[in-house]
Every structure is written in structure tokens, then in C-alpha cells.
Amino acid sequence: MNKDTFNALKREQEIQEQIVDSWKYIKDLEAELEFLLTREANESKYIASVKDQINKLYKQIEKLEE
């Protein structure tokens, strides 16, 4: 295996790891969001912040999957 092929495979593995980590983080944030919506509905700024983080992660995953 030549160096270029190895680097390409390594980069692909790093991208896949980032995608998996992002999905895990999204899952955690969605659980937190559900809790906030049911128990802390008056925390509108924090709820908006969590929603924004989730949206950014979805966009990041879309870019990584291209």
C-alpha cells in the first residue's frame, strides 16, 4: 500500500469517527432537549441554544458524508 492510499484511508476513518461521535452527541443533546421541554420549559434561551447545536451537528454530518 502506498503512502497516498494509506493517508486517504486514514482520513476516511477519521471522517467516519467524527460522524459517529457527532451522532452520539446529537443523541445526548436530543435527550437533554426533551428533558428541558418537559421540565424546564421556561429556559427558552438554553432550549434555543441546544436546538442550534443540534442543527449545526446535522449540517456537519451532511458535509462529512459528501
Protein backbone atom coordinates (compact mmCIF):
# COMPACT_ATOMS: atom_id res chain seq x y z
CA MET A 1 0.00 0.00 0.00
CA ASN A 2 1.48 3.31 -0.98
CA LYS A 3 1.60 6.39 1.22
CA ASP A 4 -1.17 8.26 -0.62
CA THR A 5 -3.57 5.33 -0.32
CA PHE A 6 -2.75 4.93 3.36
CA ASN A 7 -3.35 8.64 4.03
CA ALA A 8 -6.65 8.54 2.14
CA LEU A 9 -7.82 5.53 4.16
CA LYS A 10 -6.69 7.16 7.38
CA ARG A 11 -8.60 10.34 6.52
CA GLU A 12 -11.71 8.32 5.65
CA GLN A 13 -11.51 6.53 9.01
CA GLU A 14 -11.17 9.89 10.82
CA ILE A 15 -14.25 11.20 8.99
CA GLN A 16 -16.25 8.12 9.95
CA GLU A 17 -15.19 8.54 13.58
CA GLN A 18 -16.29 12.19 13.50
CA ILE A 19 -19.66 11.15 12.10
CA VAL A 20 -20.17 8.52 14.82
CA ASP A 21 -19.14 10.99 17.53
CA SER A 22 -21.49 13.62 16.12
CA TRP A 23 -24.43 11.17 16.15
CA LYS A 24 -23.68 10.28 19.77
CA TYR A 25 -23.57 13.96 20.71
CA ILE A 26 -26.83 14.60 18.84
CA LYS A 27 -28.47 11.76 20.74
CA ASP A 28 -27.32 13.25 24.05
CA LEU A 29 -28.47 16.75 23.09
CA GLU A 30 -31.85 15.49 21.94
CA ALA A 31 -32.35 13.74 25.28
CA GLU A 32 -31.39 16.94 27.07
CA LEU A 33 -33.75 18.93 24.85
CA GLU A 34 -36.61 16.55 25.61
CA PHE A 35 -35.94 16.96 29.33
CA LEU A 36 -35.84 20.75 29.00
CA LEU A 37 -39.08 20.87 27.06
CA THR A 38 -40.91 18.75 29.61
CA ARG A 39 -39.39 20.01 32.86
CA GLU A 40 -37.76 23.39 32.21
CA ALA A 41 -39.91 24.97 29.53
CA ASN A 42 -39.14 28.47 30.83
CA GLU A 43 -35.46 28.12 29.84
CA SER A 44 -36.13 29.41 26.32
CA LYS A 45 -32.62 30.76 25.66
CA TYR A 46 -30.98 27.50 26.68
CA ILE A 47 -33.52 25.48 24.69
CA ALA A 48 -32.78 27.59 21.61
CA SER A 49 -29.06 27.07 22.19
CA VAL A 50 -29.46 23.30 22.36
CA LYS A 51 -31.59 23.29 19.19
CA ASP A 52 -28.93 25.38 17.44
CA GLN A 53 -26.19 22.94 18.49
CA ILE A 54 -28.23 20.02 17.16
CA ASN A 55 -28.81 21.77 13.82
CA LYS A 56 -25.10 22.56 13.49
CA LEU A 57 -24.20 18.94 14.13
CA TYR A 58 -26.67 17.74 11.47
CA LYS A 59 -25.10 20.17 8.98
CA GLN A 60 -21.62 19.00 9.96
CA ILE A 61 -22.62 15.39 9.35
CA GLU A 62 -24.05 16.31 5.93
CA LYS A 63 -20.75 17.92 4.95
CA LEU A 64 -18.70 14.99 6.20
CA GLU A 65 -20.85 12.49 4.29
CA GLU A 66 -20.32 14.26 0.96
